[in-house]
Full PDB file with SEQRES, HELIX, SHEET, SSBOND, CRYST1, ORIGX, SCALE, CONECT and MASTER records, all heavy atoms in Angstrom:
SEQRES   1 A   42  VAL ILE THR PHE ILE ASP THR PRO GLY ALA TYR PRO GLY          
SEQRES   2 A   42  LEU GLU ALA GLU ALA ARG GLY GLN ALA GLU ALA ILE ALA          
SEQRES   3 A   42  ARG THR LEU ALA LEU SER SER ARG LEU THR VAL PRO VAL          
SEQRES   4 A   42  VAL SER VAL                                                  
HELIX    1 AA1 LEU A   14  ALA A   18  1                                   5    
HELIX    2 AA2 GLN A   21  SER A   33  1                                  13    
SHEET    1 AA1 2 ILE A   2  THR A   3  0                                        
SHEET    2 AA1 2 VAL A  40  SER A  41  1                                        
CRYST1    1.000    1.000    1.000  90.00  90.00  90.00 P 1           1          
ORIGX1      1.000000  0.000000  0.000000        0.00000                         
ORIGX2      0.000000  1.000000  0.000000        0.00000                         
ORIGX3      0.000000  0.000000  1.000000        0.00000                         
SCALE1      1.000000  0.000000  0.000000        0.00000                         
SCALE2      0.000000  1.000000  0.000000        0.00000                         
SCALE3      0.000000  0.000000  1.000000        0.00000                         
ATOM      1  N   VAL A   1     -32.777  22.346 -24.153  1.00  0.00           N  
ATOM      2  CA  VAL A   1     -33.017  23.732 -24.617  1.00  0.00           C  
ATOM      3  C   VAL A   1     -34.160  24.303 -23.715  1.00  0.00           C  
ATOM      4  O   VAL A   1     -35.230  23.725 -23.679  1.00  0.00           O  
ATOM      5  CB  VAL A   1     -33.270  23.830 -26.183  1.00  0.00           C  
ATOM      6  CG1 VAL A   1     -33.587  25.258 -26.510  1.00  0.00           C  
ATOM      7  CG2 VAL A   1     -32.186  23.229 -26.962  1.00  0.00           C  
ATOM      8  N   ILE A   2     -33.932  25.502 -23.253  1.00  0.00           N  
ATOM      9  CA  ILE A   2     -35.006  26.272 -22.509  1.00  0.00           C  
ATOM     10  C   ILE A   2     -35.163  27.560 -23.220  1.00  0.00           C  
ATOM     11  O   ILE A   2     -34.244  28.312 -23.375  1.00  0.00           O  
ATOM     12  CB  ILE A   2     -34.683  26.444 -20.997  1.00  0.00           C  
ATOM     13  CG1 ILE A   2     -34.449  25.121 -20.314  1.00  0.00           C  
ATOM     14  CG2 ILE A   2     -35.774  27.224 -20.390  1.00  0.00           C  
ATOM     15  CD1 ILE A   2     -33.928  25.191 -18.947  1.00  0.00           C  
ATOM     16  N   THR A   3     -36.391  27.824 -23.686  1.00  0.00           N  
ATOM     17  CA  THR A   3     -36.683  29.104 -24.365  1.00  0.00           C  
ATOM     18  C   THR A   3     -37.616  29.990 -23.556  1.00  0.00           C  
ATOM     19  O   THR A   3     -38.525  29.508 -22.859  1.00  0.00           O  
ATOM     20  CB  THR A   3     -37.249  28.918 -25.775  1.00  0.00           C  
ATOM     21  OG1 THR A   3     -38.563  28.292 -25.659  1.00  0.00           O  
ATOM     22  CG2 THR A   3     -36.404  27.921 -26.607  1.00  0.00           C  
ATOM     23  N   PHE A   4     -37.444  31.333 -23.611  1.00  0.00           N  
ATOM     24  CA  PHE A   4     -38.311  32.251 -22.960  1.00  0.00           C  
ATOM     25  C   PHE A   4     -38.915  33.123 -24.003  1.00  0.00           C  
ATOM     26  O   PHE A   4     -38.204  33.822 -24.833  1.00  0.00           O  
ATOM     27  CB  PHE A   4     -37.559  33.109 -21.997  1.00  0.00           C  
ATOM     28  CG  PHE A   4     -37.071  32.246 -20.823  1.00  0.00           C  
ATOM     29  CD1 PHE A   4     -35.741  31.857 -20.716  1.00  0.00           C  
ATOM     30  CD2 PHE A   4     -37.828  31.955 -19.791  1.00  0.00           C  
ATOM     31  CE1 PHE A   4     -35.200  31.113 -19.652  1.00  0.00           C  
ATOM     32  CE2 PHE A   4     -37.362  31.190 -18.637  1.00  0.00           C  
ATOM     33  CZ  PHE A   4     -36.072  30.846 -18.634  1.00  0.00           C  
ATOM     34  N   ILE A   5     -40.216  33.124 -24.058  1.00  0.00           N  
ATOM     35  CA  ILE A   5     -40.954  33.887 -25.107  1.00  0.00           C  
ATOM     36  C   ILE A   5     -41.650  35.137 -24.638  1.00  0.00           C  
ATOM     37  O   ILE A   5     -42.422  35.091 -23.595  1.00  0.00           O  
ATOM     38  CB  ILE A   5     -42.085  32.950 -25.742  1.00  0.00           C  
ATOM     39  CG1 ILE A   5     -41.511  31.719 -26.276  1.00  0.00           C  
ATOM     40  CG2 ILE A   5     -42.888  33.749 -26.734  1.00  0.00           C  
ATOM     41  CD1 ILE A   5     -42.515  30.650 -26.702  1.00  0.00           C  
ATOM     42  N   ASP A   6     -41.243  36.335 -25.177  1.00  0.00           N  
ATOM     43  CA  ASP A   6     -41.818  37.556 -24.872  1.00  0.00           C  
ATOM     44  C   ASP A   6     -41.588  38.554 -25.897  1.00  0.00           C  
ATOM     45  O   ASP A   6     -40.682  39.273 -25.964  1.00  0.00           O  
ATOM     46  CB  ASP A   6     -41.178  38.102 -23.481  1.00  0.00           C  
ATOM     47  CG  ASP A   6     -41.800  39.430 -23.021  1.00  0.00           C  
ATOM     48  OD1 ASP A   6     -42.925  39.684 -23.538  1.00  0.00           O  
ATOM     49  OD2 ASP A   6     -41.236  40.012 -22.039  1.00  0.00           O  
ATOM     50  N   THR A   7     -42.503  38.526 -26.842  1.00  0.00           N  
ATOM     51  CA  THR A   7     -42.359  39.406 -28.045  1.00  0.00           C  
ATOM     52  C   THR A   7     -43.699  39.646 -28.670  1.00  0.00           C  
ATOM     53  O   THR A   7     -44.637  38.926 -28.663  1.00  0.00           O  
ATOM     54  CB  THR A   7     -41.424  38.777 -29.137  1.00  0.00           C  
ATOM     55  OG1 THR A   7     -41.363  39.606 -30.258  1.00  0.00           O  
ATOM     56  CG2 THR A   7     -42.074  37.446 -29.550  1.00  0.00           C  
ATOM     57  N   PRO A   8     -43.888  40.921 -29.112  1.00  0.00           N  
ATOM     58  CA  PRO A   8     -45.120  41.273 -29.891  1.00  0.00           C  
ATOM     59  C   PRO A   8     -45.289  40.517 -31.238  1.00  0.00           C  
ATOM     60  O   PRO A   8     -46.328  40.460 -31.785  1.00  0.00           O  
ATOM     61  CB  PRO A   8     -45.115  42.807 -30.138  1.00  0.00           C  
ATOM     62  CG  PRO A   8     -44.015  43.284 -29.188  1.00  0.00           C  
ATOM     63  CD  PRO A   8     -43.108  42.137 -28.994  1.00  0.00           C  
ATOM     64  N   GLY A   9     -44.087  40.082 -31.711  1.00  0.00           N  
ATOM     65  CA  GLY A   9     -43.970  39.446 -33.034  1.00  0.00           C  
ATOM     66  C   GLY A   9     -42.655  39.703 -33.644  1.00  0.00           C  
ATOM     67  O   GLY A   9     -41.721  40.342 -33.080  1.00  0.00           O  
ATOM     68  N   ALA A  10     -42.443  39.005 -34.833  1.00  0.00           N  
ATOM     69  CA  ALA A  10     -41.201  39.344 -35.546  1.00  0.00           C  
ATOM     70  C   ALA A  10     -41.127  40.810 -36.087  1.00  0.00           C  
ATOM     71  O   ALA A  10     -42.198  41.405 -36.428  1.00  0.00           O  
ATOM     72  CB  ALA A  10     -41.010  38.374 -36.754  1.00  0.00           C  
ATOM     73  N   TYR A  11     -39.989  41.325 -36.252  1.00  0.00           N  
ATOM     74  CA  TYR A  11     -39.742  42.675 -36.764  1.00  0.00           C  
ATOM     75  C   TYR A  11     -40.246  42.747 -38.210  1.00  0.00           C  
ATOM     76  O   TYR A  11     -39.788  42.012 -39.067  1.00  0.00           O  
ATOM     77  CB  TYR A  11     -38.327  43.027 -36.682  1.00  0.00           C  
ATOM     78  CG  TYR A  11     -38.065  44.472 -37.122  1.00  0.00           C  
ATOM     79  CD1 TYR A  11     -38.744  45.513 -36.468  1.00  0.00           C  
ATOM     80  CD2 TYR A  11     -37.179  44.757 -38.164  1.00  0.00           C  
ATOM     81  CE1 TYR A  11     -38.463  46.891 -36.963  1.00  0.00           C  
ATOM     82  CE2 TYR A  11     -36.927  46.069 -38.651  1.00  0.00           C  
ATOM     83  CZ  TYR A  11     -37.615  47.096 -37.959  1.00  0.00           C  
ATOM     84  OH  TYR A  11     -37.366  48.403 -38.358  1.00  0.00           O  
ATOM     85  N   PRO A  12     -41.256  43.711 -38.552  1.00  0.00           N  
ATOM     86  CA  PRO A  12     -41.873  43.756 -39.879  1.00  0.00           C  
ATOM     87  C   PRO A  12     -41.159  44.802 -40.835  1.00  0.00           C  
ATOM     88  O   PRO A  12     -41.731  45.142 -41.798  1.00  0.00           O  
ATOM     89  CB  PRO A  12     -43.207  44.142 -39.554  1.00  0.00           C  
ATOM     90  CG  PRO A  12     -43.101  45.087 -38.385  1.00  0.00           C  
ATOM     91  CD  PRO A  12     -41.922  44.552 -37.570  1.00  0.00           C  
ATOM     92  N   GLY A  13     -39.916  45.239 -40.486  1.00  0.00           N  
ATOM     93  CA  GLY A  13     -39.381  46.232 -41.335  1.00  0.00           C  
ATOM     94  C   GLY A  13     -38.929  45.746 -42.748  1.00  0.00           C  
ATOM     95  O   GLY A  13     -38.841  44.548 -42.851  1.00  0.00           O  
ATOM     96  N   LEU A  14     -38.769  46.639 -43.710  1.00  0.00           N  
ATOM     97  CA  LEU A  14     -38.477  46.293 -45.012  1.00  0.00           C  
ATOM     98  C   LEU A  14     -37.129  45.523 -45.160  1.00  0.00           C  
ATOM     99  O   LEU A  14     -36.988  44.557 -45.885  1.00  0.00           O  
ATOM    100  CB  LEU A  14     -38.390  47.532 -45.904  1.00  0.00           C  
ATOM    101  CG  LEU A  14     -39.698  48.202 -46.221  1.00  0.00           C  
ATOM    102  CD1 LEU A  14     -39.574  49.500 -46.984  1.00  0.00           C  
ATOM    103  CD2 LEU A  14     -40.671  47.236 -46.983  1.00  0.00           C  
ATOM    104  N   GLU A  15     -36.164  46.077 -44.315  1.00  0.00           N  
ATOM    105  CA  GLU A  15     -34.860  45.335 -44.331  1.00  0.00           C  
ATOM    106  C   GLU A  15     -34.884  43.933 -43.830  1.00  0.00           C  
ATOM    107  O   GLU A  15     -34.181  43.009 -44.302  1.00  0.00           O  
ATOM    108  CB  GLU A  15     -33.817  46.204 -43.546  1.00  0.00           C  
ATOM    109  CG  GLU A  15     -34.096  46.337 -42.081  1.00  0.00           C  
ATOM    110  CD  GLU A  15     -35.029  47.498 -41.692  1.00  0.00           C  
ATOM    111  OE1 GLU A  15     -35.789  48.029 -42.665  1.00  0.00           O  
ATOM    112  OE2 GLU A  15     -34.965  47.968 -40.527  1.00  0.00           O  
ATOM    113  N   ALA A  16     -35.763  43.710 -42.896  1.00  0.00           N  
ATOM    114  CA  ALA A  16     -35.988  42.311 -42.330  1.00  0.00           C  
ATOM    115  C   ALA A  16     -36.556  41.412 -43.411  1.00  0.00           C  
ATOM    116  O   ALA A  16     -36.146  40.266 -43.549  1.00  0.00           O  
ATOM    117  CB  ALA A  16     -36.847  42.377 -41.043  1.00  0.00           C  
ATOM    118  N   GLU A  17     -37.619  41.953 -44.060  1.00  0.00           N  
ATOM    119  CA  GLU A  17     -38.203  41.174 -45.173  1.00  0.00           C  
ATOM    120  C   GLU A  17     -37.202  40.840 -46.265  1.00  0.00           C  
ATOM    121  O   GLU A  17     -37.143  39.782 -46.864  1.00  0.00           O  
ATOM    122  CB  GLU A  17     -39.399  41.838 -45.717  1.00  0.00           C  
ATOM    123  CG  GLU A  17     -40.442  42.080 -44.672  1.00  0.00           C  
ATOM    124  CD  GLU A  17     -41.171  40.793 -44.235  1.00  0.00           C  
ATOM    125  OE1 GLU A  17     -41.070  39.802 -44.944  1.00  0.00           O  
ATOM    126  OE2 GLU A  17     -41.704  40.795 -43.100  1.00  0.00           O  
ATOM    127  N   ALA A  18     -36.373  41.892 -46.613  1.00  0.00           N  
ATOM    128  CA  ALA A  18     -35.361  41.742 -47.671  1.00  0.00           C  
ATOM    129  C   ALA A  18     -34.321  40.614 -47.321  1.00  0.00           C  
ATOM    130  O   ALA A  18     -33.791  39.969 -48.235  1.00  0.00           O  
ATOM    131  CB  ALA A  18     -34.697  43.068 -48.007  1.00  0.00           C  
ATOM    132  N   ARG A  19     -34.057  40.520 -45.945  1.00  0.00           N  
ATOM    133  CA  ARG A  19     -33.046  39.448 -45.590  1.00  0.00           C  
ATOM    134  C   ARG A  19     -33.653  38.133 -45.269  1.00  0.00           C  
ATOM    135  O   ARG A  19     -33.075  37.332 -44.631  1.00  0.00           O  
ATOM    136  CB  ARG A  19     -32.237  39.987 -44.422  1.00  0.00           C  
ATOM    137  CG  ARG A  19     -31.417  41.188 -44.768  1.00  0.00           C  
ATOM    138  CD  ARG A  19     -30.287  41.415 -43.769  1.00  0.00           C  
ATOM    139  NE  ARG A  19     -30.873  41.811 -42.373  1.00  0.00           N  
ATOM    140  CZ  ARG A  19     -31.190  43.024 -42.016  1.00  0.00           C  
ATOM    141  NH1 ARG A  19     -30.980  44.046 -42.834  1.00  0.00           N  
ATOM    142  NH2 ARG A  19     -31.670  43.167 -40.774  1.00  0.00           N  
ATOM    143  N   GLY A  20     -34.936  37.960 -45.531  1.00  0.00           N  
ATOM    144  CA  GLY A  20     -35.663  36.661 -45.444  1.00  0.00           C  
ATOM    145  C   GLY A  20     -36.172  36.356 -44.068  1.00  0.00           C  
ATOM    146  O   GLY A  20     -36.012  35.338 -43.372  1.00  0.00           O  
ATOM    147  N   GLN A  21     -37.062  37.379 -43.589  1.00  0.00           N  
ATOM    148  CA  GLN A  21     -37.601  37.072 -42.236  1.00  0.00           C  
ATOM    149  C   GLN A  21     -38.479  35.831 -42.185  1.00  0.00           C  
ATOM    150  O   GLN A  21     -38.412  35.051 -41.248  1.00  0.00           O  
ATOM    151  CB  GLN A  21     -38.530  38.307 -41.892  1.00  0.00           C  
ATOM    152  CG  GLN A  21     -39.179  38.300 -40.525  1.00  0.00           C  
ATOM    153  CD  GLN A  21     -38.194  38.454 -39.361  1.00  0.00           C  
ATOM    154  OE1 GLN A  21     -37.445  37.552 -39.061  1.00  0.00           O  
ATOM    155  NE2 GLN A  21     -38.233  39.570 -38.747  1.00  0.00           N  
ATOM    156  N   ALA A  22     -39.449  35.693 -43.212  1.00  0.00           N  
ATOM    157  CA  ALA A  22     -40.328  34.487 -43.208  1.00  0.00           C  
ATOM    158  C   ALA A  22     -39.527  33.219 -43.291  1.00  0.00           C  
ATOM    159  O   ALA A  22     -39.800  32.216 -42.539  1.00  0.00           O  
ATOM    160  CB  ALA A  22     -41.322  34.619 -44.274  1.00  0.00           C  
ATOM    161  N   GLU A  23     -38.452  33.213 -44.144  1.00  0.00           N  
ATOM    162  CA  GLU A  23     -37.726  32.024 -44.260  1.00  0.00           C  
ATOM    163  C   GLU A  23     -36.935  31.642 -42.974  1.00  0.00           C  
ATOM    164  O   GLU A  23     -36.845  30.459 -42.606  1.00  0.00           O  
ATOM    165  CB  GLU A  23     -36.672  32.204 -45.416  1.00  0.00           C  
ATOM    166  CG  GLU A  23     -35.785  31.082 -45.653  1.00  0.00           C  
ATOM    167  CD  GLU A  23     -34.462  31.101 -44.915  1.00  0.00           C  
ATOM    168  OE1 GLU A  23     -34.163  32.069 -44.267  1.00  0.00           O  
ATOM    169  OE2 GLU A  23     -33.734  29.993 -44.949  1.00  0.00           O  
ATOM    170  N   ALA A  24     -36.500  32.657 -42.195  1.00  0.00           N  
ATOM    171  CA  ALA A  24     -35.741  32.434 -40.989  1.00  0.00           C  
ATOM    172  C   ALA A  24     -36.628  31.759 -39.909  1.00  0.00           C  
ATOM    173  O   ALA A  24     -36.276  30.858 -39.223  1.00  0.00           O  
ATOM    174  CB  ALA A  24     -35.163  33.741 -40.486  1.00  0.00           C  
ATOM    175  N   ILE A  25     -37.907  32.359 -39.862  1.00  0.00           N  
ATOM    176  CA  ILE A  25     -38.877  31.834 -38.908  1.00  0.00           C  
ATOM    177  C   ILE A  25     -39.237  30.441 -39.271  1.00  0.00           C  
ATOM    178  O   ILE A  25     -39.260  29.471 -38.365  1.00  0.00           O  
ATOM    179  CB  ILE A  25     -40.115  32.715 -38.884  1.00  0.00           C  
ATOM    180  CG1 ILE A  25     -39.795  34.095 -38.287  1.00  0.00           C  
ATOM    181  CG2 ILE A  25     -41.226  32.066 -38.045  1.00  0.00           C  
ATOM    182  CD1 ILE A  25     -40.916  34.998 -38.308  1.00  0.00           C  
ATOM    183  N   ALA A  26     -39.465  30.146 -40.539  1.00  0.00           N  
ATOM    184  CA  ALA A  26     -39.920  28.754 -40.975  1.00  0.00           C  
ATOM    185  C   ALA A  26     -38.776  27.806 -40.730  1.00  0.00           C  
ATOM    186  O   ALA A  26     -39.009  26.682 -40.264  1.00  0.00           O  
ATOM    187  CB  ALA A  26     -40.264  28.848 -42.471  1.00  0.00           C  
ATOM    188  N   ARG A  27     -37.532  28.138 -41.017  1.00  0.00           N  
ATOM    189  CA  ARG A  27     -36.452  27.246 -40.755  1.00  0.00           C  
ATOM    190  C   ARG A  27     -36.289  27.007 -39.169  1.00  0.00           C  
ATOM    191  O   ARG A  27     -35.913  25.850 -38.776  1.00  0.00           O  
ATOM    192  CB  ARG A  27     -35.081  27.736 -41.302  1.00  0.00           C  
ATOM    193  CG  ARG A  27     -35.012  27.590 -42.796  1.00  0.00           C  
ATOM    194  CD  ARG A  27     -33.673  27.933 -43.235  1.00  0.00           C  
ATOM    195  NE  ARG A  27     -33.580  27.795 -44.724  1.00  0.00           N  
ATOM    196  CZ  ARG A  27     -33.319  26.616 -45.449  1.00  0.00           C  
ATOM    197  NH1 ARG A  27     -33.103  25.584 -44.728  1.00  0.00           N  
ATOM    198  NH2 ARG A  27     -33.243  26.653 -46.755  1.00  0.00           N  
ATOM    199  N   THR A  28     -36.457  28.074 -38.437  1.00  0.00           N  
ATOM    200  CA  THR A  28     -36.480  27.781 -36.941  1.00  0.00           C  
ATOM    201  C   THR A  28     -37.449  26.877 -36.466  1.00  0.00           C  
ATOM    202  O   THR A  28     -37.248  26.002 -35.659  1.00  0.00           O  
ATOM    203  CB  THR A  28     -36.547  29.217 -36.230  1.00  0.00           C  
ATOM    204  OG1 THR A  28     -35.600  30.135 -36.774  1.00  0.00           O  
ATOM    205  CG2 THR A  28     -36.318  29.019 -34.695  1.00  0.00           C  
ATOM    206  N   LEU A  29     -38.720  27.020 -37.041  1.00  0.00           N  
ATOM    207  CA  LEU A  29     -39.787  26.100 -36.697  1.00  0.00           C  
ATOM    208  C   LEU A  29     -39.431  24.609 -37.099  1.00  0.00           C  
ATOM    209  O   LEU A  29     -39.684  23.717 -36.288  1.00  0.00           O  
ATOM    210  CB  LEU A  29     -41.070  26.494 -37.352  1.00  0.00           C  
ATOM    211  CG  LEU A  29     -41.806  27.732 -36.754  1.00  0.00           C  
ATOM    212  CD1 LEU A  29     -42.887  28.238 -37.772  1.00  0.00           C  
ATOM    213  CD2 LEU A  29     -42.370  27.473 -35.396  1.00  0.00           C  
ATOM    214  N   ALA A  30     -38.945  24.482 -38.316  1.00  0.00           N  
ATOM    215  CA  ALA A  30     -38.570  23.175 -38.834  1.00  0.00           C  
ATOM    216  C   ALA A  30     -37.505  22.508 -37.966  1.00  0.00           C  
ATOM    217  O   ALA A  30     -37.545  21.348 -37.670  1.00  0.00           O  
ATOM    218  CB  ALA A  30     -38.245  23.282 -40.244  1.00  0.00           C  
ATOM    219  N   LEU A  31     -36.487  23.356 -37.681  1.00  0.00           N  
ATOM    220  CA  LEU A  31     -35.366  22.759 -36.874  1.00  0.00           C  
ATOM    221  C   LEU A  31     -35.696  22.347 -35.449  1.00  0.00           C  
ATOM    222  O   LEU A  31     -35.434  21.362 -34.981  1.00  0.00           O  
ATOM    223  CB  LEU A  31     -34.261  23.849 -36.849  1.00  0.00           C  
ATOM    224  CG  LEU A  31     -33.058  23.538 -35.992  1.00  0.00           C  
ATOM    225  CD1 LEU A  31     -32.409  22.212 -36.382  1.00  0.00           C  
ATOM    226  CD2 LEU A  31     -32.072  24.593 -35.923  1.00  0.00           C  
ATOM    227  N   SER A  32     -36.517  23.219 -34.829  1.00  0.00           N  
ATOM    228  CA  SER A  32     -36.939  23.054 -33.401  1.00  0.00           C  
ATOM    229  C   SER A  32     -37.873  21.793 -33.317  1.00  0.00           C  
ATOM    230  O   SER A  32     -37.861  21.041 -32.316  1.00  0.00           O  
ATOM    231  CB  SER A  32     -37.639  24.263 -32.790  1.00  0.00           C  
ATOM    232  OG  SER A  32     -38.665  24.624 -33.573  1.00  0.00           O  
ATOM    233  N   SER A  33     -38.617  21.472 -34.416  1.00  0.00           N  
ATOM    234  CA  SER A  33     -39.490  20.366 -34.415  1.00  0.00           C  
ATOM    235  C   SER A  33     -38.769  19.065 -34.609  1.00  0.00           C  
ATOM    236  O   SER A  33     -39.343  17.963 -34.304  1.00  0.00           O  
ATOM    237  CB  SER A  33     -40.637  20.512 -35.495  1.00  0.00           C  
ATOM    238  OG  SER A  33     -40.030  20.498 -36.644  1.00  0.00           O  
ATOM    239  N   ARG A  34     -37.521  19.158 -35.122  1.00  0.00           N  
ATOM    240  CA  ARG A  34     -36.701  17.896 -35.270  1.00  0.00           C  
ATOM    241  C   ARG A  34     -35.715  17.684 -34.237  1.00  0.00           C  
ATOM    242  O   ARG A  34     -35.004  16.634 -34.233  1.00  0.00           O  
ATOM    243  CB  ARG A  34     -35.973  18.069 -36.645  1.00  0.00           C  
ATOM    244  CG  ARG A  34     -36.866  18.165 -37.790  1.00  0.00           C  
ATOM    245  CD  ARG A  34     -36.043  17.817 -39.093  1.00  0.00           C  
ATOM    246  NE  ARG A  34     -34.889  18.682 -39.235  1.00  0.00           N  
ATOM    247  CZ  ARG A  34     -34.938  19.865 -39.993  1.00  0.00           C  
ATOM    248  NH1 ARG A  34     -36.048  20.221 -40.583  1.00  0.00           N  
ATOM    249  NH2 ARG A  34     -33.913  20.688 -40.034  1.00  0.00           N  
ATOM    250  N   LEU A  35     -35.593  18.556 -33.186  1.00  0.00           N  
ATOM    251  CA  LEU A  35     -34.651  18.350 -32.163  1.00  0.00           C  
ATOM    252  C   LEU A  35     -34.958  17.006 -31.302  1.00  0.00           C  
ATOM    253  O   LEU A  35     -36.097  16.783 -31.044  1.00  0.00           O  
ATOM    254  CB  LEU A  35     -34.646  19.521 -31.241  1.00  0.00           C  
ATOM    255  CG  LEU A  35     -34.086  20.847 -31.788  1.00  0.00           C  
ATOM    256  CD1 LEU A  35     -34.141  22.021 -30.804  1.00  0.00           C  
ATOM    257  CD2 LEU A  35     -32.655  20.715 -32.292  1.00  0.00           C  
ATOM    258  N   THR A  36     -33.942  16.313 -31.034  1.00  0.00           N  
ATOM    259  CA  THR A  36     -34.132  15.102 -30.129  1.00  0.00           C  
ATOM    260  C   THR A  36     -33.849  15.338 -28.714  1.00  0.00           C  
ATOM    261  O   THR A  36     -34.165  14.473 -27.902  1.00  0.00           O  
ATOM    262  CB  THR A  36     -33.307  14.042 -30.723  1.00  0.00           C  
ATOM    263  OG1 THR A  36     -31.857  14.348 -30.622  1.00  0.00           O  
ATOM    264  CG2 THR A  36     -33.647  13.564 -32.119  1.00  0.00           C  
ATOM    265  N   VAL A  37     -33.234  16.593 -28.381  1.00  0.00           N  
ATOM    266  CA  VAL A  37     -33.052  16.829 -27.002  1.00  0.00           C  
ATOM    267  C   VAL A  37     -34.300  17.464 -26.408  1.00  0.00           C  
ATOM    268  O   VAL A  37     -35.141  17.962 -27.155  1.00  0.00           O  
ATOM    269  CB  VAL A  37     -31.831  17.880 -26.859  1.00  0.00           C  
ATOM    270  CG1 VAL A  37     -30.515  17.189 -27.351  1.00  0.00           C  
ATOM    271  CG2 VAL A  37     -32.062  19.130 -27.680  1.00  0.00           C  
ATOM    272  N   PRO A  38     -34.480  17.470 -25.087  1.00  0.00           N  
ATOM    273  CA  PRO A  38     -35.758  18.016 -24.486  1.00  0.00           C  
ATOM    274  C   PRO A  38     -35.723  19.527 -24.715  1.00  0.00           C  
ATOM    275  O   PRO A  38     -34.741  20.231 -24.574  1.00  0.00           O  
ATOM    276  CB  PRO A  38     -35.571  17.684 -23.054  1.00  0.00           C  
ATOM    277  CG  PRO A  38     -34.655  16.471 -23.035  1.00  0.00           C  
ATOM    278  CD  PRO A  38     -33.675  16.712 -24.111  1.00  0.00           C  
ATOM    279  N   VAL A  39     -36.889  19.992 -25.048  1.00  0.00           N  
ATOM    280  CA  VAL A  39     -37.120  21.455 -25.230  1.00  0.00           C  
ATOM    281  C   VAL A  39     -38.282  21.901 -24.341  1.00  0.00           C  
ATOM    282  O   VAL A  39     -39.424  21.333 -24.416  1.00  0.00           O  
ATOM    283  CB  VAL A  39     -37.464  21.761 -26.713  1.00  0.00           C  
ATOM    284  CG1 VAL A  39     -37.612  23.290 -26.794  1.00  0.00           C  
ATOM    285  CG2 VAL A  39     -36.376  21.263 -27.614  1.00  0.00           C  
ATOM    286  N   VAL A  40     -38.014  22.859 -23.506  1.00  0.00           N  
ATOM    287  CA  VAL A  40     -39.101  23.491 -22.640  1.00  0.00           C  
ATOM    288  C   VAL A  40     -39.260  24.988 -23.048  1.00  0.00           C  
ATOM    289  O   VAL A  40     -38.221  25.679 -22.996  1.00  0.00           O  
ATOM    290  CB  VAL A  40     -38.680  23.366 -21.171  1.00  0.00           C  
ATOM    291  CG1 VAL A  40     -39.724  24.010 -20.325  1.00  0.00           C  
ATOM    292  CG2 VAL A  40     -38.567  21.928 -20.752  1.00  0.00           C  
ATOM    293  N   SER A  41     -40.396  25.285 -23.395  1.00  0.00           N  
ATOM    294  CA  SER A  41     -40.740  26.708 -23.764  1.00  0.00           C  
ATOM    295  C   SER A  41     -41.598  27.391 -22.823  1.00  0.00           C  
ATOM    296  O   SER A  41     -42.587  26.722 -22.292  1.00  0.00           O  
ATOM    297  CB  SER A  41     -41.367  26.757 -25.183  1.00  0.00           C  
ATOM    298  OG  SER A  41     -40.567  26.194 -26.155  1.00  0.00           O  
ATOM    299  N   VAL A  42     -41.270  28.587 -22.305  1.00  0.00           N  
ATOM    300  CA  VAL A  42     -41.976  29.332 -21.362  1.00  0.00           C  
ATOM    301  C   VAL A  42     -42.379  30.729 -21.856  1.00  0.00           C  
ATOM    302  O   VAL A  42     -41.570  31.533 -22.208  1.00  0.00           O  
ATOM    303  CB  VAL A  42     -41.091  29.541 -20.048  1.00  0.00           C  
ATOM    304  CG1 VAL A  42     -42.052  30.148 -18.952  1.00  0.00           C  
ATOM    305  CG2 VAL A  42     -40.589  28.187 -19.589  1.00  0.00           C  
TER     306      VAL A  42                                                      
MASTER        0    0    0    2    2    0    0    6  305    1    0    4          
END                                                                             
């Protein structure tokens, strides 16, 4: 997995919060930390 990072942050809108913005970020962090394949972030 190769990721490219270029963002001011996650979208802070009300609709994003209503659909679980914090939960989505937390699950992405948890999943990426458990990957056994190589991950390079740029």
